[in-house]
């Protein structure tokens, strides 16, 4: 397939530290179009928020030469998120807005507060290469497919440590999300909440 071909082509080029700015931008423009085409053809997704997420995550690949390894939120961030929740302001829109601005630590604080998961558990979930844990969390909390995909794309750097989104990984994660039954997802999340 065209997508597979481009993935094979792009793979060796996509180690962030080896790619210079100019090449990264050309690559970005190419891969971005491919990714949008792929989402549209395979999943019927033309949702602008997802398309913007594709842009965001690929631009982040271009401009982030320094990779931040530590995504654990500070205590202050967690307290802020809890205050937001108490005031009824911790909505999915707020959380996705934080993520769109590339603020991963505050996002972890907010999304873990929103779901009741510890930030460590959430980071473990975000670190999974498969994206399955994130799919489960999103299904359990009635988060739409579009928002799940946006979240998956925008947390890419937690998962891949600075590598590009892989189409095969993303499509597996989306298919897993689609197949996952909400009641099973809730059961899985409840079990992990009881353990922590």
N, C-alpha and C. Protein backbone atom coordinates (compact mmCIF):
# COMPACT_ATOMS: atom_id res chain seq x y z
N UNK A 1 0.84 -1.20 0.00
CA UNK A 1 0.00 0.00 0.00
C UNK A 1 0.87 1.24 0.00
N UNK A 2 0.26 2.32 -0.43
CA UNK A 2 0.97 3.60 -0.47
C UNK A 2 1.46 4.00 0.92
N UNK A 3 0.56 3.81 1.91
CA UNK A 3 0.93 4.19 3.28
C UNK A 3 2.12 3.38 3.76
N UNK A 4 2.07 2.08 3.49
CA UNK A 4 3.17 1.21 3.92
C UNK A 4 4.48 1.64 3.26
N UNK A 5 4.40 1.93 1.96
CA UNK A 5 5.58 2.38 1.23
C UNK A 5 6.18 3.62 1.84
N UNK A 6 5.33 4.58 2.16
CA UNK A 6 5.85 5.84 2.70
C UNK A 6 6.43 5.61 4.08
N UNK A 7 5.82 4.68 4.82
CA UNK A 7 6.32 4.41 6.16
C UNK A 7 7.73 3.81 6.10
N UNK A 8 7.90 2.86 5.17
CA UNK A 8 9.23 2.25 5.00
C UNK A 8 10.25 3.30 4.59
N UNK A 9 9.83 4.18 3.71
CA UNK A 9 10.70 5.23 3.22
C UNK A 9 11.08 6.19 4.33
N UNK A 10 10.07 6.56 5.11
CA UNK A 10 10.29 7.59 6.13
C UNK A 10 11.04 7.05 7.34
N UNK A 11 10.86 5.76 7.63
CA UNK A 11 11.40 5.20 8.88
C UNK A 11 12.85 5.59 9.18
N UNK A 12 13.79 5.29 8.27
CA UNK A 12 15.19 5.58 8.61
C UNK A 12 15.46 7.08 8.75
N UNK A 13 14.60 7.90 8.15
CA UNK A 13 14.82 9.34 8.18
C UNK A 13 14.31 9.98 9.46
N UNK A 14 13.52 9.21 10.21
CA UNK A 14 12.75 9.87 11.25
C UNK A 14 13.34 9.83 12.65
N UNK A 15 14.60 9.52 12.78
CA UNK A 15 15.22 9.71 14.08
C UNK A 15 15.43 11.20 14.23
N UNK A 16 14.79 11.76 15.20
CA UNK A 16 14.73 13.21 15.30
C UNK A 16 16.10 13.89 15.32
N UNK A 17 17.03 13.31 16.07
CA UNK A 17 18.32 13.98 16.24
C UNK A 17 19.19 13.97 14.98
N UNK A 18 18.80 13.17 13.98
CA UNK A 18 19.63 13.10 12.77
C UNK A 18 19.05 13.92 11.63
N UNK A 19 17.89 14.48 11.83
CA UNK A 19 17.21 15.16 10.73
C UNK A 19 17.40 16.66 10.86
N UNK A 20 17.91 17.30 9.79
CA UNK A 20 18.05 18.75 9.91
C UNK A 20 16.71 19.42 9.61
N UNK A 21 16.60 20.67 10.01
CA UNK A 21 15.34 21.41 9.96
C UNK A 21 14.69 21.41 8.58
N UNK A 22 15.47 21.69 7.52
CA UNK A 22 14.92 21.78 6.17
C UNK A 22 14.32 20.46 5.71
N UNK A 23 15.08 19.40 5.90
CA UNK A 23 14.61 18.07 5.52
C UNK A 23 13.38 17.70 6.34
N UNK A 24 13.45 18.01 7.62
CA UNK A 24 12.32 17.70 8.50
C UNK A 24 11.04 18.35 7.99
N UNK A 25 11.15 19.59 7.54
CA UNK A 25 9.96 20.29 7.05
C UNK A 25 9.39 19.66 5.79
N UNK A 26 10.27 19.27 4.87
CA UNK A 26 9.80 18.60 3.64
C UNK A 26 9.13 17.28 3.98
N UNK A 27 9.78 16.55 4.87
CA UNK A 27 9.28 15.26 5.31
C UNK A 27 7.92 15.43 5.98
N UNK A 28 7.86 16.46 6.81
CA UNK A 28 6.63 16.76 7.53
C UNK A 28 5.47 16.97 6.56
N UNK A 29 5.70 17.80 5.54
CA UNK A 29 4.63 18.13 4.59
C UNK A 29 4.14 16.85 3.90
N UNK A 30 5.09 15.99 3.55
CA UNK A 30 4.77 14.75 2.86
C UNK A 30 4.01 13.78 3.78
N UNK A 31 4.56 13.54 4.94
CA UNK A 31 3.96 12.56 5.85
C UNK A 31 2.61 13.05 6.34
N UNK A 32 2.49 14.34 6.57
CA UNK A 32 1.24 14.92 7.04
C UNK A 32 0.09 14.64 6.07
N UNK A 33 0.34 14.87 4.78
CA UNK A 33 -0.68 14.61 3.77
C UNK A 33 -1.03 13.13 3.73
N UNK A 34 -0.01 12.28 3.81
CA UNK A 34 -0.22 10.83 3.81
C UNK A 34 -1.11 10.40 4.97
N UNK A 35 -0.79 10.94 6.14
CA UNK A 35 -1.48 10.55 7.36
C UNK A 35 -2.95 10.96 7.28
N UNK A 36 -3.20 12.16 6.76
CA UNK A 36 -4.58 12.65 6.64
C UNK A 36 -5.36 11.81 5.63
N UNK A 37 -4.70 11.51 4.51
CA UNK A 37 -5.29 10.70 3.46
C UNK A 37 -5.66 9.33 4.02
N UNK A 38 -4.73 8.78 4.80
CA UNK A 38 -4.89 7.46 5.40
C UNK A 38 -6.06 7.44 6.38
N UNK A 39 -6.13 8.43 7.25
CA UNK A 39 -7.22 8.50 8.23
C UNK A 39 -8.57 8.62 7.53
N UNK A 40 -8.59 9.42 6.47
CA UNK A 40 -9.82 9.65 5.74
C UNK A 40 -10.27 8.37 5.03
N UNK A 41 -9.34 7.71 4.35
CA UNK A 41 -9.69 6.51 3.58
C UNK A 41 -10.02 5.32 4.45
N UNK A 42 -9.26 5.12 5.51
CA UNK A 42 -9.44 3.91 6.31
C UNK A 42 -10.47 4.05 7.41
N UNK A 43 -10.63 5.26 7.92
CA UNK A 43 -11.53 5.41 9.07
C UNK A 43 -12.61 6.47 8.84
N UNK A 44 -12.65 7.03 7.62
CA UNK A 44 -13.65 8.05 7.31
C UNK A 44 -13.53 9.29 8.16
N UNK A 45 -12.32 9.56 8.63
CA UNK A 45 -12.14 10.69 9.55
C UNK A 45 -11.72 11.92 8.77
N UNK A 46 -12.59 12.93 8.79
CA UNK A 46 -12.20 14.20 8.19
C UNK A 46 -12.34 15.30 9.23
N UNK A 47 -12.58 14.87 10.45
CA UNK A 47 -12.77 15.78 11.58
C UNK A 47 -11.60 16.75 11.68
N UNK A 48 -11.90 18.04 11.74
CA UNK A 48 -10.81 19.03 11.71
C UNK A 48 -9.90 18.91 12.92
N UNK A 49 -10.46 18.54 14.08
CA UNK A 49 -9.61 18.46 15.27
C UNK A 49 -8.55 17.37 15.11
N UNK A 50 -8.92 16.29 14.43
CA UNK A 50 -7.94 15.23 14.19
C UNK A 50 -6.90 15.68 13.18
N UNK A 51 -7.36 16.34 12.13
CA UNK A 51 -6.43 16.85 11.12
C UNK A 51 -5.46 17.85 11.75
N UNK A 52 -5.97 18.69 12.65
CA UNK A 52 -5.10 19.63 13.36
C UNK A 52 -4.11 18.89 14.24
N UNK A 53 -4.57 17.80 14.86
CA UNK A 53 -3.67 17.01 15.70
C UNK A 53 -2.54 16.41 14.88
N UNK A 54 -2.86 15.97 13.65
CA UNK A 54 -1.82 15.46 12.75
C UNK A 54 -0.79 16.56 12.51
N UNK A 55 -1.29 17.76 12.21
CA UNK A 55 -0.38 18.89 12.01
C UNK A 55 0.46 19.16 13.25
N UNK A 56 -0.20 19.20 14.40
CA UNK A 56 0.50 19.52 15.65
C UNK A 56 1.61 18.54 15.94
N UNK A 57 1.29 17.24 15.81
CA UNK A 57 2.26 16.23 16.21
C UNK A 57 3.44 16.22 15.24
N UNK A 58 3.17 16.51 13.97
CA UNK A 58 4.26 16.50 13.02
C UNK A 58 5.10 17.77 13.11
N UNK A 59 4.46 18.88 13.42
CA UNK A 59 5.22 20.11 13.63
C UNK A 59 6.12 19.97 14.85
N UNK A 60 5.58 19.29 15.86
CA UNK A 60 6.35 19.07 17.08
C UNK A 60 7.61 18.26 16.74
N UNK A 61 7.44 17.31 15.83
CA UNK A 61 8.59 16.53 15.36
C UNK A 61 9.63 17.45 14.73
N UNK A 62 9.16 18.43 13.96
CA UNK A 62 10.07 19.34 13.29
C UNK A 62 10.79 20.24 14.28
N UNK A 63 10.05 20.84 15.23
CA UNK A 63 10.69 21.90 16.00
C UNK A 63 11.31 21.42 17.31
N UNK A 64 11.03 20.19 17.68
CA UNK A 64 11.55 19.78 18.98
C UNK A 64 12.83 18.99 18.79
N UNK A 65 13.94 19.68 18.84
CA UNK A 65 15.22 18.98 18.73
C UNK A 65 15.60 18.43 20.10
N UNK A 66 15.19 19.13 21.14
CA UNK A 66 15.46 18.64 22.49
C UNK A 66 14.29 17.75 22.91
N UNK A 67 14.59 16.54 23.29
CA UNK A 67 13.52 15.65 23.72
C UNK A 67 13.43 15.66 25.24
N UNK A 68 12.26 15.95 25.73
CA UNK A 68 12.06 16.00 27.17
C UNK A 68 11.67 14.61 27.65
N UNK A 69 12.51 14.02 28.49
CA UNK A 69 12.28 12.63 28.89
C UNK A 69 11.30 12.48 30.04
N UNK A 70 11.13 13.51 30.78
CA UNK A 70 10.39 13.38 32.03
C UNK A 70 9.00 13.99 31.87
N UNK A 71 7.97 13.19 31.98
CA UNK A 71 6.62 13.71 31.76
C UNK A 71 5.79 13.74 33.03
N UNK A 72 6.40 13.44 34.17
CA UNK A 72 5.64 13.42 35.41
C UNK A 72 5.25 14.84 35.82
N UNK A 73 3.96 15.04 36.11
CA UNK A 73 3.52 16.38 36.52
C UNK A 73 4.03 16.73 37.91
N UNK A 74 4.14 18.02 38.18
CA UNK A 74 4.52 18.47 39.52
C UNK A 74 3.30 18.38 40.43
N UNK A 75 3.55 18.43 41.73
CA UNK A 75 2.46 18.40 42.71
C UNK A 75 1.53 19.59 42.48
N UNK A 76 2.12 20.75 42.16
CA UNK A 76 1.32 21.96 41.91
C UNK A 76 0.35 21.75 40.74
N UNK A 77 0.81 21.06 39.70
CA UNK A 77 -0.04 20.79 38.54
C UNK A 77 -1.21 19.89 38.92
N UNK A 78 -0.91 18.90 39.76
CA UNK A 78 -1.96 17.97 40.21
C UNK A 78 -2.98 18.73 41.07
N UNK A 79 -2.48 19.59 41.96
CA UNK A 79 -3.38 20.40 42.80
C UNK A 79 -4.26 21.32 41.95
N UNK A 80 -3.66 21.92 40.93
CA UNK A 80 -4.42 22.77 40.00
C UNK A 80 -5.55 21.98 39.35
N UNK A 81 -5.20 20.78 38.88
CA UNK A 81 -6.18 19.93 38.21
C UNK A 81 -7.31 19.58 39.17
N UNK A 82 -6.96 19.28 40.42
CA UNK A 82 -7.98 18.93 41.41
C UNK A 82 -8.90 20.12 41.70
N UNK A 83 -8.30 21.31 41.77
CA UNK A 83 -9.11 22.53 41.97
C UNK A 83 -10.08 22.73 40.81
N UNK A 84 -9.58 22.53 39.60
CA UNK A 84 -10.41 22.63 38.40
C UNK A 84 -11.59 21.67 38.49
N UNK A 85 -11.28 20.45 38.93
CA UNK A 85 -12.32 19.42 39.02
C UNK A 85 -13.39 19.82 40.03
N UNK A 86 -12.95 20.31 41.19
CA UNK A 86 -13.89 20.73 42.23
C UNK A 86 -14.82 21.84 41.73
N UNK A 87 -14.28 22.71 40.89
CA UNK A 87 -15.09 23.83 40.37
C UNK A 87 -15.91 23.41 39.14
N UNK A 88 -15.78 22.16 38.74
CA UNK A 88 -16.51 21.67 37.57
C UNK A 88 -15.95 22.18 36.25
N UNK A 89 -14.68 22.57 36.25
CA UNK A 89 -14.07 23.13 35.05
C UNK A 89 -13.17 22.14 34.31
N UNK A 90 -13.02 20.96 34.90
CA UNK A 90 -12.10 19.99 34.28
C UNK A 90 -12.87 19.17 33.23
N UNK A 91 -13.08 19.78 32.08
CA UNK A 91 -13.80 19.11 31.01
C UNK A 91 -12.80 18.50 30.03
N UNK A 92 -13.32 17.63 29.18
CA UNK A 92 -12.46 17.03 28.16
C UNK A 92 -11.89 18.10 27.23
N UNK A 93 -12.70 19.12 26.97
CA UNK A 93 -12.27 20.23 26.11
C UNK A 93 -11.04 20.93 26.71
N UNK A 94 -11.10 21.18 28.01
CA UNK A 94 -9.97 21.79 28.72
C UNK A 94 -8.73 20.92 28.60
N UNK A 95 -8.93 19.62 28.84
CA UNK A 95 -7.81 18.67 28.85
C UNK A 95 -7.17 18.58 27.47
N UNK A 96 -8.00 18.49 26.43
CA UNK A 96 -7.47 18.43 25.07
C UNK A 96 -6.79 19.73 24.67
N UNK A 97 -7.31 20.84 25.17
CA UNK A 97 -6.70 22.14 24.91
C UNK A 97 -5.28 22.20 25.47
N UNK A 98 -5.12 21.68 26.67
CA UNK A 98 -3.80 21.62 27.31
C UNK A 98 -2.85 20.78 26.46
N UNK A 99 -3.35 19.65 25.99
CA UNK A 99 -2.54 18.74 25.19
C UNK A 99 -2.16 19.37 23.85
N UNK A 100 -3.11 20.08 23.24
CA UNK A 100 -2.84 20.76 21.96
C UNK A 100 -1.74 21.79 22.08
N UNK A 101 -1.64 22.41 23.25
CA UNK A 101 -0.57 23.40 23.46
C UNK A 101 0.76 22.72 23.75
N UNK A 102 0.76 21.39 23.71
CA UNK A 102 2.00 20.64 23.91
C UNK A 102 2.42 20.55 25.37
N UNK A 103 1.49 20.82 26.27
CA UNK A 103 1.82 20.80 27.70
C UNK A 103 1.53 19.41 28.26
N UNK A 104 2.48 18.53 28.08
CA UNK A 104 2.26 17.12 28.43
C UNK A 104 2.10 16.93 29.95
N UNK A 105 2.96 17.55 30.74
CA UNK A 105 2.87 17.35 32.20
C UNK A 105 1.52 17.81 32.77
N UNK A 106 1.10 19.05 32.45
CA UNK A 106 -0.23 19.45 32.93
C UNK A 106 -1.34 18.56 32.37
N UNK A 107 -1.19 18.09 31.13
CA UNK A 107 -2.17 17.16 30.57
C UNK A 107 -2.25 15.89 31.41
N UNK A 108 -1.10 15.34 31.78
CA UNK A 108 -1.07 14.12 32.60
C UNK A 108 -1.77 14.38 33.93
N UNK A 109 -1.49 15.54 34.53
CA UNK A 109 -2.14 15.91 35.79
C UNK A 109 -3.66 15.97 35.61
N UNK A 110 -4.09 16.61 34.53
CA UNK A 110 -5.53 16.81 34.31
C UNK A 110 -6.25 15.52 33.95
N UNK A 111 -5.66 14.75 33.03
CA UNK A 111 -6.34 13.54 32.57
C UNK A 111 -6.36 12.47 33.67
N UNK A 112 -5.31 12.42 34.48
CA UNK A 112 -5.32 11.44 35.58
C UNK A 112 -6.36 11.85 36.63
N UNK A 113 -6.49 13.14 36.89
CA UNK A 113 -7.51 13.62 37.83
C UNK A 113 -8.91 13.34 37.28
N UNK A 114 -9.08 13.56 35.99
CA UNK A 114 -10.36 13.34 35.30
C UNK A 114 -10.79 11.87 35.38
N UNK A 115 -9.82 10.97 35.21
CA UNK A 115 -10.14 9.53 35.16
C UNK A 115 -10.03 8.85 36.53
N UNK A 116 -9.36 9.50 37.48
CA UNK A 116 -9.13 8.89 38.78
C UNK A 116 -7.90 7.98 38.82
N UNK A 117 -7.22 7.84 37.68
CA UNK A 117 -5.99 7.05 37.65
C UNK A 117 -4.85 7.87 38.27
N UNK A 118 -3.87 7.19 38.83
CA UNK A 118 -2.70 7.94 39.32
C UNK A 118 -1.91 8.42 38.11
N UNK A 119 -1.13 9.49 38.29
CA UNK A 119 -0.36 9.98 37.14
C UNK A 119 0.66 8.94 36.69
N UNK A 120 1.18 8.14 37.61
CA UNK A 120 2.11 7.06 37.23
C UNK A 120 1.42 6.02 36.35
N UNK A 121 0.22 5.62 36.76
CA UNK A 121 -0.54 4.65 35.96
C UNK A 121 -0.85 5.21 34.58
N UNK A 122 -1.23 6.49 34.55
CA UNK A 122 -1.54 7.11 33.27
C UNK A 122 -0.30 7.17 32.38
N UNK A 123 0.85 7.50 32.97
CA UNK A 123 2.09 7.53 32.19
C UNK A 123 2.45 6.15 31.65
N UNK A 124 2.20 5.11 32.47
CA UNK A 124 2.42 3.74 31.99
C UNK A 124 1.54 3.47 30.77
N UNK A 125 0.29 3.90 30.86
CA UNK A 125 -0.65 3.73 29.76
C UNK A 125 -0.17 4.47 28.52
N UNK A 126 0.26 5.72 28.71
CA UNK A 126 0.70 6.54 27.57
C UNK A 126 1.98 6.00 26.95
N UNK A 127 2.78 5.30 27.76
CA UNK A 127 4.04 4.73 27.29
C UNK A 127 3.87 3.49 26.43
N UNK A 128 2.70 2.85 26.52
CA UNK A 128 2.49 1.61 25.76
C UNK A 128 2.59 1.88 24.26
N UNK A 129 3.46 1.16 23.57
CA UNK A 129 3.58 1.37 22.12
C UNK A 129 2.27 1.09 21.38
N UNK A 130 1.46 0.18 21.92
CA UNK A 130 0.23 -0.23 21.22
C UNK A 130 -0.88 0.82 21.27
N UNK A 131 -0.83 1.70 22.26
CA UNK A 131 -1.93 2.66 22.44
C UNK A 131 -3.20 2.02 22.99
N UNK A 132 -3.12 0.74 23.36
CA UNK A 132 -4.33 0.03 23.80
C UNK A 132 -4.85 0.53 25.15
N UNK A 133 -3.94 0.81 26.07
CA UNK A 133 -4.36 1.32 27.38
C UNK A 133 -5.10 2.64 27.24
N UNK A 134 -4.60 3.48 26.34
CA UNK A 134 -5.26 4.77 26.10
C UNK A 134 -6.64 4.54 25.49
N UNK A 135 -6.74 3.57 24.59
CA UNK A 135 -8.03 3.23 23.98
C UNK A 135 -9.02 2.78 25.06
N UNK A 136 -8.55 1.97 25.99
CA UNK A 136 -9.40 1.48 27.09
C UNK A 136 -9.87 2.66 27.95
N UNK A 137 -8.92 3.52 28.34
CA UNK A 137 -9.26 4.67 29.18
C UNK A 137 -10.29 5.56 28.48
N UNK A 138 -10.08 5.80 27.19
CA UNK A 138 -11.01 6.66 26.45
C UNK A 138 -12.39 6.03 26.32
N UNK A 139 -12.43 4.73 26.05
CA UNK A 139 -13.72 4.03 25.94
C UNK A 139 -14.45 4.04 27.29
N UNK A 140 -13.70 3.83 28.36
CA UNK A 140 -14.30 3.76 29.70
C UNK A 140 -14.96 5.08 30.09
N UNK A 141 -14.41 6.19 29.59
CA UNK A 141 -14.95 7.50 29.96
C UNK A 141 -15.70 8.18 28.81
N UNK A 142 -16.22 7.34 27.89
CA UNK A 142 -17.06 7.83 26.79
C UNK A 142 -16.40 8.94 25.97
N UNK A 143 -15.11 8.80 25.75
CA UNK A 143 -14.38 9.77 24.93
C UNK A 143 -14.49 9.33 23.47
N UNK A 144 -14.89 10.24 22.60
CA UNK A 144 -15.20 9.89 21.21
C UNK A 144 -13.97 9.38 20.46
N UNK A 145 -14.25 8.72 19.35
CA UNK A 145 -13.16 8.19 18.52
C UNK A 145 -12.24 9.31 18.05
N UNK A 146 -12.85 10.43 17.62
CA UNK A 146 -12.05 11.56 17.14
C UNK A 146 -11.14 12.10 18.25
N UNK A 147 -11.69 12.24 19.45
CA UNK A 147 -10.88 12.75 20.57
C UNK A 147 -9.80 11.74 20.96
N UNK A 148 -10.14 10.46 20.90
CA UNK A 148 -9.13 9.42 21.17
C UNK A 148 -7.97 9.54 20.18
N UNK A 149 -8.30 9.68 18.89
CA UNK A 149 -7.23 9.77 17.88
C UNK A 149 -6.38 11.02 18.10
N UNK A 150 -7.05 12.13 18.39
CA UNK A 150 -6.30 13.37 18.67
C UNK A 150 -5.36 13.14 19.86
N UNK A 151 -5.88 12.49 20.90
CA UNK A 151 -5.08 12.24 22.10
C UNK A 151 -3.92 11.29 21.79
N UNK A 152 -4.20 10.27 21.00
CA UNK A 152 -3.16 9.31 20.62
C UNK A 152 -2.04 10.03 19.87
N UNK A 153 -2.42 10.86 18.91
CA UNK A 153 -1.42 11.57 18.11
C UNK A 153 -0.62 12.55 18.96
N UNK A 154 -1.32 13.28 19.82
CA UNK A 154 -0.66 14.34 20.58
C UNK A 154 0.18 13.82 21.74
N UNK A 155 -0.02 12.55 22.12
CA UNK A 155 0.84 11.97 23.16
C UNK A 155 1.92 11.10 22.53
N UNK A 156 2.07 11.21 21.22
CA UNK A 156 3.03 10.38 20.50
C UNK A 156 4.43 10.42 21.10
N UNK A 157 4.89 11.62 21.50
CA UNK A 157 6.29 11.69 21.95
C UNK A 157 6.52 11.00 23.29
N UNK A 158 5.45 10.79 24.07
CA UNK A 158 5.61 10.01 25.30
C UNK A 158 5.89 8.56 24.93
N UNK A 159 5.17 8.08 23.91
CA UNK A 159 5.28 6.68 23.48
C UNK A 159 6.54 6.37 22.71
N UNK A 160 6.92 7.27 21.81
CA UNK A 160 7.95 6.90 20.84
C UNK A 160 9.29 7.56 21.11
N UNK A 161 9.36 8.35 22.18
CA UNK A 161 10.61 9.02 22.51
C UNK A 161 11.19 9.75 21.31
N UNK A 162 10.34 10.54 20.67
CA UNK A 162 10.82 11.42 19.62
C UNK A 162 10.81 10.84 18.22
N UNK A 163 10.20 9.66 18.04
CA UNK A 163 10.06 9.18 16.67
C UNK A 163 8.70 9.55 16.12
N UNK A 164 8.58 9.42 14.81
CA UNK A 164 7.35 9.79 14.13
C UNK A 164 6.23 8.80 14.45
N UNK A 165 5.00 9.28 14.30
CA UNK A 165 3.83 8.39 14.40
C UNK A 165 3.96 7.31 13.34
N UNK A 166 3.70 6.07 13.72
CA UNK A 166 3.70 4.99 12.73
C UNK A 166 2.26 4.66 12.36
N UNK A 167 2.00 4.63 11.06
CA UNK A 167 0.64 4.36 10.60
C UNK A 167 0.13 3.02 11.10
N UNK A 168 0.99 2.00 11.06
CA UNK A 168 0.52 0.66 11.45
C UNK A 168 0.12 0.66 12.92
N UNK A 169 0.92 1.30 13.75
CA UNK A 169 0.61 1.37 15.18
C UNK A 169 -0.68 2.14 15.42
N UNK A 170 -0.82 3.24 14.71
CA UNK A 170 -2.00 4.06 14.90
C UNK A 170 -3.26 3.33 14.46
N UNK A 171 -3.21 2.66 13.31
CA UNK A 171 -4.43 1.99 12.84
C UNK A 171 -4.81 0.84 13.77
N UNK A 172 -3.82 0.15 14.33
CA UNK A 172 -4.12 -0.91 15.30
C UNK A 172 -4.80 -0.33 16.54
N UNK A 173 -4.28 0.80 17.01
CA UNK A 173 -4.86 1.43 18.19
C UNK A 173 -6.31 1.85 17.93
N UNK A 174 -6.56 2.40 16.74
CA UNK A 174 -7.92 2.85 16.41
C UNK A 174 -8.86 1.65 16.29
N UNK A 175 -8.38 0.59 15.65
CA UNK A 175 -9.22 -0.61 15.51
C UNK A 175 -9.53 -1.21 16.88
N UNK A 176 -8.55 -1.18 17.76
CA UNK A 176 -8.73 -1.68 19.12
C UNK A 176 -9.78 -0.83 19.84
N UNK A 177 -9.67 0.47 19.69
CA UNK A 177 -10.66 1.39 20.30
C UNK A 177 -12.07 1.06 19.79
N UNK A 178 -12.19 0.86 18.47
CA UNK A 178 -13.50 0.60 17.87
C UNK A 178 -14.10 -0.71 18.41
N UNK A 179 -13.26 -1.73 18.56
CA UNK A 179 -13.75 -3.04 19.02
C UNK A 179 -14.03 -3.09 20.52
N UNK A 180 -13.33 -2.26 21.29
CA UNK A 180 -13.45 -2.33 22.75
C UNK A 180 -14.86 -1.95 23.22
N UNK A 181 -15.51 -2.83 24.00
CA UNK A 181 -16.84 -2.52 24.51
C UNK A 181 -16.72 -1.61 25.74
N UNK A 182 -17.54 -0.56 25.82
CA UNK A 182 -17.43 0.38 26.94
C UNK A 182 -17.51 -0.30 28.31
N UNK A 183 -18.41 -1.30 28.44
CA UNK A 183 -18.55 -1.92 29.77
C UNK A 183 -17.29 -2.71 30.16
N UNK A 184 -16.66 -3.33 29.17
CA UNK A 184 -15.41 -4.04 29.44
C UNK A 184 -14.30 -3.03 29.79
N UNK A 185 -14.27 -1.94 29.06
CA UNK A 185 -13.28 -0.89 29.32
C UNK A 185 -13.42 -0.37 30.75
N UNK A 186 -14.68 -0.15 31.17
CA UNK A 186 -14.92 0.35 32.53
C UNK A 186 -14.46 -0.65 33.58
N UNK A 187 -14.70 -1.93 33.28
CA UNK A 187 -14.28 -2.99 34.20
C UNK A 187 -12.76 -3.01 34.36
N UNK A 188 -12.05 -2.90 33.24
CA UNK A 188 -10.58 -2.90 33.26
C UNK A 188 -10.06 -1.72 34.08
N UNK A 189 -10.63 -0.53 33.83
CA UNK A 189 -10.20 0.67 34.56
C UNK A 189 -10.53 0.54 36.05
N UNK A 190 -11.72 0.05 36.37
CA UNK A 190 -12.09 -0.13 37.79
C UNK A 190 -11.14 -1.07 38.51
N UNK A 191 -10.77 -2.16 37.83
CA UNK A 191 -9.81 -3.10 38.43
C UNK A 191 -8.49 -2.41 38.73
N UNK A 192 -8.02 -1.60 37.79
CA UNK A 192 -6.72 -0.96 38.01
C UNK A 192 -6.83 0.15 39.06
N UNK A 193 -8.03 0.75 39.20
CA UNK A 193 -8.23 1.76 40.25
C UNK A 193 -8.21 1.11 41.63
N UNK A 194 -8.75 -0.11 41.72
CA UNK A 194 -8.76 -0.79 43.01
C UNK A 194 -7.36 -1.22 43.45
N UNK A 195 -6.52 -1.55 42.47
CA UNK A 195 -5.16 -1.97 42.79
C UNK A 195 -4.32 -0.82 43.33
N UNK A 196 -4.53 0.39 42.76
CA UNK A 196 -3.63 1.48 43.13
C UNK A 196 -4.01 2.12 44.46
